[in-house]
PDB file of N, CA and C in Angstrom:
ATOM      1  N   UNK A   1      77.026 -37.246 -22.238  1.00  0.00           N
ATOM      2  CA  UNK A   1      78.023 -36.276 -22.652  1.00  0.00           C
ATOM      3  C   UNK A   1      79.060 -36.065 -21.548  1.00  0.00           C
ATOM      4  N   UNK A   2      78.601 -36.018 -20.285  1.00  0.00           N
ATOM      5  CA  UNK A   2      79.543 -35.803 -19.198  1.00  0.00           C
ATOM      6  C   UNK A   2      80.415 -37.034 -18.960  1.00  0.00           C
ATOM      7  N   UNK A   3      79.890 -38.211 -19.251  1.00  0.00           N
ATOM      8  CA  UNK A   3      80.698 -39.423 -19.114  1.00  0.00           C
ATOM      9  C   UNK A   3      81.835 -39.399 -20.134  1.00  0.00           C
ATOM     10  N   UNK A   4      81.538 -38.966 -21.349  1.00  0.00           N
ATOM     11  CA  UNK A   4      82.584 -38.841 -22.367  1.00  0.00           C
ATOM     12  C   UNK A   4      83.618 -37.804 -21.938  1.00  0.00           C
ATOM     13  N   UNK A   5      83.172 -36.713 -21.312  1.00  0.00           N
ATOM     14  CA  UNK A   5      84.095 -35.695 -20.813  1.00  0.00           C
ATOM     15  C   UNK A   5      85.000 -36.232 -19.730  1.00  0.00           C
ATOM     16  N   UNK A   6      84.429 -37.010 -18.815  1.00  0.00           N
ATOM     17  CA  UNK A   6      85.236 -37.630 -17.766  1.00  0.00           C
ATOM     18  C   UNK A   6      86.211 -38.631 -18.364  1.00  0.00           C
ATOM     19  N   UNK A   7      85.738 -39.410 -19.330  1.00  0.00           N
ATOM     20  CA  UNK A   7      86.619 -40.363 -20.003  1.00  0.00           C
ATOM     21  C   UNK A   7      87.747 -39.671 -20.735  1.00  0.00           C
ATOM     22  N   UNK A   8      87.467 -38.541 -21.341  1.00  0.00           N
ATOM     23  CA  UNK A   8      88.502 -37.775 -22.039  1.00  0.00           C
ATOM     24  C   UNK A   8      89.532 -37.234 -21.051  1.00  0.00           C
ATOM     25  N   UNK A   9      89.064 -36.745 -19.919  1.00  0.00           N
ATOM     26  CA  UNK A   9      89.993 -36.256 -18.891  1.00  0.00           C
ATOM     27  C   UNK A   9      90.906 -37.375 -18.406  1.00  0.00           C
ATOM     28  N   UNK A  10      90.323 -38.555 -18.190  1.00  0.00           N
ATOM     29  CA  UNK A  10      91.135 -39.695 -17.766  1.00  0.00           C
ATOM     30  C   UNK A  10      92.093 -40.141 -18.871  1.00  0.00           C
ATOM     31  N   UNK A  11      91.649 -40.052 -20.109  1.00  0.00           N
ATOM     32  CA  UNK A  11      92.508 -40.383 -21.250  1.00  0.00           C
ATOM     33  C   UNK A  11      93.718 -39.460 -21.278  1.00  0.00           C
ATOM     34  N   UNK A  12      93.490 -38.175 -21.089  1.00  0.00           N
ATOM     35  CA  UNK A  12      94.584 -37.213 -21.081  1.00  0.00           C
ATOM     36  C   UNK A  12      95.522 -37.490 -19.911  1.00  0.00           C
ATOM     37  N   UNK A  13      94.952 -37.807 -18.778  1.00  0.00           N
ATOM     38  CA  UNK A  13      95.745 -38.012 -17.568  1.00  0.00           C
ATOM     39  C   UNK A  13      96.592 -39.274 -17.609  1.00  0.00           C
ATOM     40  N   UNK A  14      96.030 -40.372 -18.113  1.00  0.00           N
ATOM     41  CA  UNK A  14      96.704 -41.657 -17.977  1.00  0.00           C
ATOM     42  C   UNK A  14      97.316 -42.223 -19.249  1.00  0.00           C
ATOM     43  N   UNK A  15      96.820 -41.872 -20.414  1.00  0.00           N
ATOM     44  CA  UNK A  15      97.291 -42.527 -21.626  1.00  0.00           C
ATOM     45  C   UNK A  15      98.361 -41.757 -22.386  1.00  0.00           C
ATOM     46  N   UNK A  16      98.539 -40.501 -22.119  1.00  0.00           N
ATOM     47  CA  UNK A  16      99.454 -39.699 -22.923  1.00  0.00           C
ATOM     48  C   UNK A  16     100.755 -39.465 -22.173  1.00  0.00           C
ATOM     49  N   UNK A  17     101.850 -39.940 -22.776  1.00  0.00           N
ATOM     50  CA  UNK A  17     103.167 -39.675 -22.198  1.00  0.00           C
ATOM     51  C   UNK A  17     103.702 -38.330 -22.673  1.00  0.00           C
ATOM     52  N   UNK A  18     103.451 -38.005 -23.934  1.00  0.00           N
ATOM     53  CA  UNK A  18     103.902 -36.748 -24.506  1.00  0.00           C
ATOM     54  C   UNK A  18     102.680 -35.999 -25.027  1.00  0.00           C
ATOM     55  N   UNK A  19     102.531 -34.752 -24.641  1.00  0.00           N
ATOM     56  CA  UNK A  19     101.342 -33.983 -25.021  1.00  0.00           C
ATOM     57  C   UNK A  19     101.270 -33.785 -26.536  1.00  0.00           C
ATOM     58  N   UNK A  20     102.393 -33.859 -27.209  1.00  0.00           N
ATOM     59  CA  UNK A  20     102.403 -33.709 -28.663  1.00  0.00           C
ATOM     60  C   UNK A  20     101.721 -34.903 -29.350  1.00  0.00           C
ATOM     61  N   UNK A  21     101.660 -36.039 -28.679  1.00  0.00           N
ATOM     62  CA  UNK A  21     101.031 -37.237 -29.237  1.00  0.00           C
ATOM     63  C   UNK A  21      99.517 -37.274 -29.015  1.00  0.00           C
ATOM     64  N   UNK A  22      98.994 -36.322 -28.283  1.00  0.00           N
ATOM     65  CA  UNK A  22      97.570 -36.327 -27.925  1.00  0.00           C
ATOM     66  C   UNK A  22      96.703 -36.006 -29.144  1.00  0.00           C
ATOM     67  N   UNK A  23      95.768 -36.875 -29.417  1.00  0.00           N
ATOM     68  CA  UNK A  23      94.778 -36.612 -30.464  1.00  0.00           C
ATOM     69  C   UNK A  23      93.394 -36.821 -29.866  1.00  0.00           C
ATOM     70  N   UNK A  24      92.567 -35.808 -30.007  1.00  0.00           N
ATOM     71  CA  UNK A  24      91.196 -35.864 -29.498  1.00  0.00           C
ATOM     72  C   UNK A  24      90.225 -35.598 -30.636  1.00  0.00           C
ATOM     73  N   UNK A  25      89.103 -36.270 -30.584  1.00  0.00           N
ATOM     74  CA  UNK A  25      88.060 -36.002 -31.569  1.00  0.00           C
ATOM     75  C   UNK A  25      87.317 -34.728 -31.178  1.00  0.00           C
ATOM     76  N   UNK A  26      86.546 -34.221 -32.100  1.00  0.00           N
ATOM     77  CA  UNK A  26      85.746 -33.017 -31.839  1.00  0.00           C
ATOM     78  C   UNK A  26      84.781 -33.269 -30.687  1.00  0.00           C
ATOM     79  N   UNK A  27      84.154 -34.430 -30.673  1.00  0.00           N
ATOM     80  CA  UNK A  27      83.214 -34.760 -29.600  1.00  0.00           C
ATOM     81  C   UNK A  27      83.900 -34.839 -28.243  1.00  0.00           C
ATOM     82  N   UNK A  28      85.119 -35.355 -28.201  1.00  0.00           N
ATOM     83  CA  UNK A  28      85.850 -35.436 -26.938  1.00  0.00           C
ATOM     84  C   UNK A  28      86.172 -34.045 -26.407  1.00  0.00           C
ATOM     85  N   UNK A  29      86.568 -33.132 -27.276  1.00  0.00           N
ATOM     86  CA  UNK A  29      86.886 -31.770 -26.843  1.00  0.00           C
ATOM     87  C   UNK A  29      85.633 -31.075 -26.317  1.00  0.00           C
ATOM     88  N   UNK A  30      84.531 -31.194 -27.034  1.00  0.00           N
ATOM     89  CA  UNK A  30      83.277 -30.581 -26.600  1.00  0.00           C
ATOM     90  C   UNK A  30      82.821 -31.175 -25.266  1.00  0.00           C
ATOM     91  N   UNK A  31      82.910 -32.481 -25.141  1.00  0.00           N
ATOM     92  CA  UNK A  31      82.497 -33.142 -23.900  1.00  0.00           C
ATOM     93  C   UNK A  31      83.391 -32.739 -22.734  1.00  0.00           C
ATOM     94  N   UNK A  32      84.684 -32.583 -22.988  1.00  0.00           N
ATOM     95  CA  UNK A  32      85.607 -32.181 -21.927  1.00  0.00           C
ATOM     96  C   UNK A  32      85.300 -30.770 -21.441  1.00  0.00           C
ATOM     97  N   UNK A  33      85.072 -29.854 -22.354  1.00  0.00           N
ATOM     98  CA  UNK A  33      84.742 -28.475 -21.973  1.00  0.00           C
ATOM     99  C   UNK A  33      83.418 -28.451 -21.208  1.00  0.00           C
ATOM    100  N   UNK A  34      82.423 -29.191 -21.676  1.00  0.00           N
ATOM    101  CA  UNK A  34      81.129 -29.260 -20.995  1.00  0.00           C
ATOM    102  C   UNK A  34      81.285 -29.868 -19.600  1.00  0.00           C
ATOM    103  N   UNK A  35      82.094 -30.905 -19.476  1.00  0.00           N
ATOM    104  CA  UNK A  35      82.320 -31.560 -18.187  1.00  0.00           C
ATOM    105  C   UNK A  35      82.972 -30.594 -17.194  1.00  0.00           C
ATOM    106  N   UNK A  36      83.977 -29.852 -17.632  1.00  0.00           N
ATOM    107  CA  UNK A  36      84.655 -28.900 -16.745  1.00  0.00           C
ATOM    108  C   UNK A  36      83.689 -27.791 -16.325  1.00  0.00           C
ATOM    109  N   UNK A  37      82.845 -27.347 -17.251  1.00  0.00           N
ATOM    110  CA  UNK A  37      81.854 -26.322 -16.923  1.00  0.00           C
ATOM    111  C   UNK A  37      80.869 -26.830 -15.873  1.00  0.00           C
ATOM    112  N   UNK A  38      80.323 -28.009 -16.074  1.00  0.00           N
ATOM    113  CA  UNK A  38      79.355 -28.569 -15.123  1.00  0.00           C
ATOM    114  C   UNK A  38      80.000 -28.840 -13.765  1.00  0.00           C
ATOM    115  N   UNK A  39      81.243 -29.299 -13.775  1.00  0.00           N
ATOM    116  CA  UNK A  39      81.948 -29.553 -12.522  1.00  0.00           C
ATOM    117  C   UNK A  39      82.165 -28.253 -11.747  1.00  0.00           C
ATOM    118  N   UNK A  40      82.554 -27.194 -12.447  1.00  0.00           N
ATOM    119  CA  UNK A  40      82.771 -25.916 -11.762  1.00  0.00           C
ATOM    120  C   UNK A  40      81.455 -25.353 -11.224  1.00  0.00           C
ATOM    121  N   UNK A  41      80.362 -25.519 -11.959  1.00  0.00           N
ATOM    122  CA  UNK A  41      79.054 -25.089 -11.451  1.00  0.00           C
ATOM    123  C   UNK A  41      78.670 -25.870 -10.201  1.00  0.00           C
ATOM    124  N   UNK A  42      78.930 -27.154 -10.200  1.00  0.00           N
ATOM    125  CA  UNK A  42      78.598 -27.985  -9.041  1.00  0.00           C
ATOM    126  C   UNK A  42      79.397 -27.562  -7.819  1.00  0.00           C
ATOM    127  N   UNK A  43      80.669 -27.291  -8.001  1.00  0.00           N
ATOM    128  CA  UNK A  43      81.502 -26.846  -6.886  1.00  0.00           C
ATOM    129  C   UNK A  43      81.045 -25.491  -6.356  1.00  0.00           C
ATOM    130  N   UNK A  44      80.602 -24.619  -7.242  1.00  0.00           N
ATOM    131  CA  UNK A  44      80.089 -23.323  -6.822  1.00  0.00           C
ATOM    132  C   UNK A  44      78.819 -23.483  -5.993  1.00  0.00           C
ATOM    133  N   UNK A  45      77.932 -24.357  -6.405  1.00  0.00           N
ATOM    134  CA  UNK A  45      76.687 -24.598  -5.659  1.00  0.00           C
ATOM    135  C   UNK A  45      76.984 -25.191  -4.284  1.00  0.00           C
ATOM    136  N   UNK A  46      77.921 -26.138  -4.217  1.00  0.00           N
ATOM    137  CA  UNK A  46      78.289 -26.726  -2.924  1.00  0.00           C
ATOM    138  C   UNK A  46      78.850 -25.659  -1.995  1.00  0.00           C
ATOM    139  N   UNK A  47      79.676 -24.777  -2.524  1.00  0.00           N
ATOM    140  CA  UNK A  47      80.231 -23.696  -1.723  1.00  0.00           C
ATOM    141  C   UNK A  47      79.129 -22.751  -1.233  1.00  0.00           C
ATOM    142  N   UNK A  48      78.209 -22.419  -2.122  1.00  0.00           N
ATOM    143  CA  UNK A  48      77.103 -21.535  -1.759  1.00  0.00           C
ATOM    144  C   UNK A  48      76.217 -22.176  -0.700  1.00  0.00           C
ATOM    145  N   UNK A  49      75.950 -23.464  -0.850  1.00  0.00           N
ATOM    146  CA  UNK A  49      75.125 -24.153   0.139  1.00  0.00           C
ATOM    147  C   UNK A  49      75.836 -24.212   1.489  1.00  0.00           C
ATOM    148  N   UNK A  50      77.161 -24.379   1.472  1.00  0.00           N
ATOM    149  CA  UNK A  50      77.923 -24.362   2.724  1.00  0.00           C
ATOM    150  C   UNK A  50      77.801 -23.020   3.427  1.00  0.00           C
ATOM    151  N   UNK A  51      77.869 -21.951   2.660  1.00  0.00           N
ATOM    152  CA  UNK A  51      77.703 -20.612   3.241  1.00  0.00           C
ATOM    153  C   UNK A  51      76.298 -20.435   3.793  1.00  0.00           C
ATOM    154  N   UNK A  52      75.307 -20.958   3.086  1.00  0.00           N
ATOM    155  CA  UNK A  52      73.928 -20.860   3.557  1.00  0.00           C
ATOM    156  C   UNK A  52      73.748 -21.628   4.863  1.00  0.00           C
ATOM    157  N   UNK A  53      74.309 -22.825   4.934  1.00  0.00           N
ATOM    158  CA  UNK A  53      74.230 -23.600   6.179  1.00  0.00           C
ATOM    159  C   UNK A  53      74.910 -22.868   7.325  1.00  0.00           C
ATOM    160  N   UNK A  54      76.052 -22.280   7.032  1.00  0.00           N
ATOM    161  CA  UNK A  54      76.760 -21.533   8.072  1.00  0.00           C
ATOM    162  C   UNK A  54      75.917 -20.341   8.534  1.00  0.00           C
ATOM    163  N   UNK A  55      75.249 -19.679   7.598  1.00  0.00           N
ATOM    164  CA  UNK A  55      74.443 -18.507   7.919  1.00  0.00           C
ATOM    165  C   UNK A  55      73.255 -18.858   8.804  1.00  0.00           C
ATOM    166  N   UNK A  56      72.633 -20.010   8.565  1.00  0.00           N
ATOM    167  CA  UNK A  56      71.440 -20.355   9.353  1.00  0.00           C
ATOM    168  C   UNK A  56      71.772 -21.109  10.639  1.00  0.00           C
ATOM    169  N   UNK A  57      73.062 -21.248  10.946  1.00  0.00           N
ATOM    170  CA  UNK A  57      73.414 -21.770  12.254  1.00  0.00           C
ATOM    171  C   UNK A  57      74.181 -23.072  12.280  1.00  0.00           C
ATOM    172  N   UNK A  58      74.479 -23.661  11.151  1.00  0.00           N
ATOM    173  CA  UNK A  58      75.245 -24.904  11.130  1.00  0.00           C
ATOM    174  C   UNK A  58      76.710 -24.604  10.837  1.00  0.00           C
ATOM    175  N   UNK A  59      77.348 -23.909  11.769  1.00  0.00           N
ATOM    176  CA  UNK A  59      78.721 -23.447  11.554  1.00  0.00           C
ATOM    177  C   UNK A  59      79.704 -24.602  11.400  1.00  0.00           C
ATOM    178  N   UNK A  60      79.412 -25.746  12.006  1.00  0.00           N
ATOM    179  CA  UNK A  60      80.342 -26.868  11.930  1.00  0.00           C
ATOM    180  C   UNK A  60      80.024 -27.824  10.779  1.00  0.00           C
ATOM    181  N   UNK A  61      78.976 -27.535   9.993  1.00  0.00           N
ATOM    182  CA  UNK A  61      78.581 -28.436   8.914  1.00  0.00           C
ATOM    183  C   UNK A  61      79.612 -28.462   7.793  1.00  0.00           C
ATOM    184  N   UNK A  62      80.029 -27.303   7.350  1.00  0.00           N
ATOM    185  CA  UNK A  62      80.987 -27.219   6.250  1.00  0.00           C
ATOM    186  C   UNK A  62      82.008 -26.145   6.586  1.00  0.00           C
ATOM    187  N   UNK A  63      83.261 -26.492   6.437  1.00  0.00           N
ATOM    188  CA  UNK A  63      84.319 -25.532   6.713  1.00  0.00           C
ATOM    189  C   UNK A  63      84.586 -24.720   5.453  1.00  0.00           C
ATOM    190  N   UNK A  64      84.173 -23.475   5.463  1.00  0.00           N
ATOM    191  CA  UNK A  64      84.435 -22.588   4.340  1.00  0.00           C
ATOM    192  C   UNK A  64      84.776 -21.204   4.875  1.00  0.00           C
ATOM    193  N   UNK A  65      85.742 -20.575   4.282  1.00  0.00           N
ATOM    194  CA  UNK A  65      86.191 -19.280   4.765  1.00  0.00           C
ATOM    195  C   UNK A  65      85.954 -18.168   3.756  1.00  0.00           C
ATOM    196  N   UNK A  66      85.228 -18.427   2.709  1.00  0.00           N
ATOM    197  CA  UNK A  66      85.047 -17.413   1.669  1.00  0.00           C
ATOM    198  C   UNK A  66      83.580 -17.095   1.427  1.00  0.00           C
ATOM    199  N   UNK A  67      82.810 -17.035   2.491  1.00  0.00           N
ATOM    200  CA  UNK A  67      81.391 -16.733   2.357  1.00  0.00           C
ATOM    201  C   UNK A  67      81.194 -15.234   2.139  1.00  0.00           C
ATOM    202  N   UNK A  68      80.284 -14.873   1.218  1.00  0.00           N
ATOM    203  CA  UNK A  68      79.951 -13.459   1.059  1.00  0.00           C
ATOM    204  C   UNK A  68      79.112 -12.987   2.239  1.00  0.00           C
ATOM    205  N   UNK A  69      78.706 -11.749   2.218  1.00  0.00           N
ATOM    206  CA  UNK A  69      77.889 -11.251   3.328  1.00  0.00           C
ATOM    207  C   UNK A  69      76.573 -12.024   3.419  1.00  0.00           C
ATOM    208  N   UNK A  70      76.045 -12.114   4.623  1.00  0.00           N
ATOM    209  CA  UNK A  70      74.883 -12.974   4.851  1.00  0.00           C
ATOM    210  C   UNK A  70      73.621 -12.432   4.210  1.00  0.00           C
ATOM    211  N   UNK A  71      73.498 -11.135   4.015  1.00  0.00           N
ATOM    212  CA  UNK A  71      72.292 -10.579   3.422  1.00  0.00           C
ATOM    213  C   UNK A  71      72.088 -11.093   2.001  1.00  0.00           C
ATOM    214  N   UNK A  72      73.152 -11.153   1.201  1.00  0.00           N
ATOM    215  CA  UNK A  72      73.001 -11.615  -0.179  1.00  0.00           C
ATOM    216  C   UNK A  72      72.659 -13.102  -0.230  1.00  0.00           C
ATOM    217  N   UNK A  73      73.118 -13.879   0.740  1.00  0.00           N
ATOM    218  CA  UNK A  73      72.793 -15.308   0.764  1.00  0.00           C
ATOM    219  C   UNK A  73      71.314 -15.497   1.092  1.00  0.00           C
ATOM    220  N   UNK A  74      70.839 -14.790   2.112  1.00  0.00           N
ATOM    221  CA  UNK A  74      69.457 -14.963   2.513  1.00  0.00           C
ATOM    222  C   UNK A  74      68.481 -14.399   1.490  1.00  0.00           C
ATOM    223  N   UNK A  75      68.899 -13.399   0.716  1.00  0.00           N
ATOM    224  CA  UNK A  75      68.046 -12.827  -0.321  1.00  0.00           C
ATOM    225  C   UNK A  75      68.018 -13.689  -1.574  1.00  0.00           C
ATOM    226  N   UNK A  76      68.929 -14.638  -1.696  1.00  0.00           N
ATOM    227  CA  UNK A  76      68.948 -15.523  -2.845  1.00  0.00           C
ATOM    228  C   UNK A  76      69.772 -15.008  -4.011  1.00  0.00           C
ATOM    229  N   UNK A  77      70.580 -13.958  -3.784  1.00  0.00           N
ATOM    230  CA  UNK A  77      71.376 -13.393  -4.870  1.00  0.00           C
ATOM    231  C   UNK A  77      72.500 -14.323  -5.295  1.00  0.00           C
ATOM    232  N   UNK A  78      72.928 -15.232  -4.444  1.00  0.00           N
ATOM    233  CA  UNK A  78      74.054 -16.103  -4.759  1.00  0.00           C
ATOM    234  C   UNK A  78      73.661 -17.294  -5.607  1.00  0.00           C
ATOM    235  N   UNK A  79      72.377 -17.601  -5.670  1.00  0.00           N
ATOM    236  CA  UNK A  79      71.949 -18.786  -6.406  1.00  0.00           C
ATOM    237  C   UNK A  79      71.653 -18.446  -7.852  1.00  0.00           C
ATOM    238  N   UNK A  80      72.282 -19.193  -8.758  1.00  0.00           N
ATOM    239  CA  UNK A  80      72.007 -19.069 -10.179  1.00  0.00           C
ATOM    240  C   UNK A  80      71.750 -20.459 -10.704  1.00  0.00           C
ATOM    241  N   UNK A  81      70.530 -20.776 -10.922  1.00  0.00           N
ATOM    242  CA  UNK A  81      70.204 -22.110 -11.432  1.00  0.00           C
ATOM    243  C   UNK A  81      69.737 -22.035 -12.856  1.00  0.00           C
TER     244      UNK A  81
END
């Protein structure tokens, strides 16, 4: 499903000169929305893990400037799996 979503995103990006000419199937739209959702969740987890690494002492591991307070990270409040 995510491969179809990625393919749909690439189709929109590279094959359409005019947005009015764009035609997508129902499956392509569903796959695209699912792909964007999964991608945003993945980016959120990477950001959270970067904050966790910074909190436990690996300040140079990941450059991030939007970490929440350290207590919520260590308590596990930031993780939603």
